[in-house]
Amino acid sequence: MKGMVDSFNVSVAAGILMHHAVCDRATRLGCNGDLTSEEKQILLAEFSLRHSKSAISIVHEYAKRKETTHMPKL
């Protein structure tokens, strides 16, 4: 096709729909997700361990951060 086309394909339409759904949810909840702070940290740690070649250094770094950051118990 030449020139400007004024229609969206299905993937662009789906992307726009998902963007609006996420924005609406964030507005209603006041945040982007429903995980607690502790759950977010656990998820990040698991992801990092699974996708890193130096998992041991990540575990040590996480332990150091946890020592310096006092987390309240639930």
C-alpha atoms as a PDB file:
ATOM      1  CA  MET A   1       0.000   0.000   0.000  1.00  0.00           C
ATOM      2  CA  LYS A   2       1.159   3.500  -0.720  1.00  0.00           C
ATOM      3  CA  GLY A   3       0.354   6.598   1.267  1.00  0.00           C
ATOM      4  CA  MET A   4      -1.417   7.061   4.564  1.00  0.00           C
ATOM      5  CA  VAL A   5      -3.745   4.337   5.729  1.00  0.00           C
ATOM      6  CA  ASP A   6      -6.425   5.257   8.271  1.00  0.00           C
ATOM      7  CA  SER A   7      -7.121   1.808   9.676  1.00  0.00           C
ATOM      8  CA  PHE A   8      -5.589  -0.302  12.433  1.00  0.00           C
ATOM      9  CA  ASN A   9      -4.695  -3.953  12.144  1.00  0.00           C
ATOM     10  CA  VAL A  10      -5.816  -6.420  14.808  1.00  0.00           C
ATOM     11  CA  SER A  11      -2.551  -6.344  16.785  1.00  0.00           C
ATOM     12  CA  VAL A  12      -2.560  -2.530  17.030  1.00  0.00           C
ATOM     13  CA  ALA A  13      -6.208  -2.543  18.089  1.00  0.00           C
ATOM     14  CA  ALA A  14      -5.465  -5.185  20.740  1.00  0.00           C
ATOM     15  CA  GLY A  15      -2.522  -3.127  22.014  1.00  0.00           C
ATOM     16  CA  ILE A  16      -4.668  -0.011  22.317  1.00  0.00           C
ATOM     17  CA  LEU A  17      -7.372  -1.976  24.129  1.00  0.00           C
ATOM     18  CA  MET A  18      -4.877  -3.486  26.584  1.00  0.00           C
ATOM     19  CA  HIS A  19      -3.319  -0.072  27.237  1.00  0.00           C
ATOM     20  CA  HIS A  20      -6.699   1.403  28.131  1.00  0.00           C
ATOM     21  CA  ALA A  21      -7.573  -1.605  30.298  1.00  0.00           C
ATOM     22  CA  VAL A  22      -4.311  -1.291  32.264  1.00  0.00           C
ATOM     23  CA  CYS A  23      -4.728   2.476  32.671  1.00  0.00           C
ATOM     24  CA  ASP A  24      -8.309   2.034  33.877  1.00  0.00           C
ATOM     25  CA  ARG A  25      -7.274  -0.653  36.386  1.00  0.00           C
ATOM     26  CA  ALA A  26      -4.408   1.481  37.703  1.00  0.00           C
ATOM     27  CA  THR A  27      -6.780   4.421  38.143  1.00  0.00           C
ATOM     28  CA  ARG A  28      -9.317   2.331  40.051  1.00  0.00           C
ATOM     29  CA  LEU A  29      -6.765   0.561  42.285  1.00  0.00           C
ATOM     30  CA  GLY A  30      -4.419   3.494  42.744  1.00  0.00           C
ATOM     31  CA  CYS A  31      -1.483   1.329  41.657  1.00  0.00           C
ATOM     32  CA  ASN A  32      -0.437  -0.918  38.772  1.00  0.00           C
ATOM     33  CA  GLY A  33      -0.886  -4.247  40.498  1.00  0.00           C
ATOM     34  CA  ASP A  34      -2.336  -6.048  43.458  1.00  0.00           C
ATOM     35  CA  LEU A  35       0.836  -7.633  44.869  1.00  0.00           C
ATOM     36  CA  THR A  36       2.084  -6.625  48.278  1.00  0.00           C
ATOM     37  CA  SER A  37       5.546  -5.119  48.577  1.00  0.00           C
ATOM     38  CA  GLU A  38       6.900  -8.409  49.930  1.00  0.00           C
ATOM     39  CA  GLU A  39       5.336 -10.405  47.074  1.00  0.00           C
ATOM     40  CA  LYS A  40       6.906  -8.019  44.549  1.00  0.00           C
ATOM     41  CA  GLN A  41      10.335  -8.519  46.122  1.00  0.00           C
ATOM     42  CA  ILE A  42       9.947 -12.302  46.094  1.00  0.00           C
ATOM     43  CA  LEU A  43       8.835 -12.289  42.460  1.00  0.00           C
ATOM     44  CA  LEU A  44      11.769 -10.083  41.467  1.00  0.00           C
ATOM     45  CA  ALA A  45      14.205 -12.330  43.351  1.00  0.00           C
ATOM     46  CA  GLU A  46      12.829 -15.478  41.690  1.00  0.00           C
ATOM     47  CA  PHE A  47      13.021 -13.882  38.247  1.00  0.00           C
ATOM     48  CA  SER A  48      16.574 -12.703  38.852  1.00  0.00           C
ATOM     49  CA  LEU A  49      17.698 -16.122  40.044  1.00  0.00           C
ATOM     50  CA  ARG A  50      16.181 -17.885  37.055  1.00  0.00           C
ATOM     51  CA  HIS A  51      17.612 -15.484  34.487  1.00  0.00           C
ATOM     52  CA  SER A  52      21.087 -14.799  35.784  1.00  0.00           C
ATOM     53  CA  LYS A  53      24.345 -16.625  35.287  1.00  0.00           C
ATOM     54  CA  SER A  54      25.606 -15.394  38.639  1.00  0.00           C
ATOM     55  CA  ALA A  55      22.710 -16.364  40.895  1.00  0.00           C
ATOM     56  CA  ILE A  56      24.915 -16.599  43.996  1.00  0.00           C
ATOM     57  CA  SER A  57      25.967 -12.943  43.729  1.00  0.00           C
ATOM     58  CA  ILE A  58      22.298 -11.944  43.428  1.00  0.00           C
ATOM     59  CA  VAL A  59      21.425 -13.915  46.566  1.00  0.00           C
ATOM     60  CA  HIS A  60      24.216 -12.164  48.483  1.00  0.00           C
ATOM     61  CA  GLU A  61      23.112  -8.740  47.191  1.00  0.00           C
ATOM     62  CA  TYR A  62      19.488  -9.458  48.139  1.00  0.00           C
ATOM     63  CA  ALA A  63      20.560 -10.555  51.620  1.00  0.00           C
ATOM     64  CA  LYS A  64      22.568  -7.335  52.083  1.00  0.00           C
ATOM     65  CA  ARG A  65      19.608  -5.216  50.971  1.00  0.00           C
ATOM     66  CA  LYS A  66      17.257  -7.083  53.279  1.00  0.00           C
ATOM     67  CA  GLU A  67      19.603  -6.487  56.223  1.00  0.00           C
ATOM     68  CA  THR A  68      19.677  -2.735  55.578  1.00  0.00           C
ATOM     69  CA  THR A  69      15.948  -2.433  54.847  1.00  0.00           C
ATOM     70  CA  HIS A  70      13.717  -3.256  57.776  1.00  0.00           C
ATOM     71  CA  MET A  71      10.501  -4.801  56.484  1.00  0.00           C
ATOM     72  CA  PRO A  72       7.432  -4.839  58.727  1.00  0.00           C
ATOM     73  CA  LYS A  73       5.936  -8.248  59.429  1.00  0.00           C
ATOM     74  CA  LEU A  74       2.455  -8.953  58.106  1.00  0.00           C
END
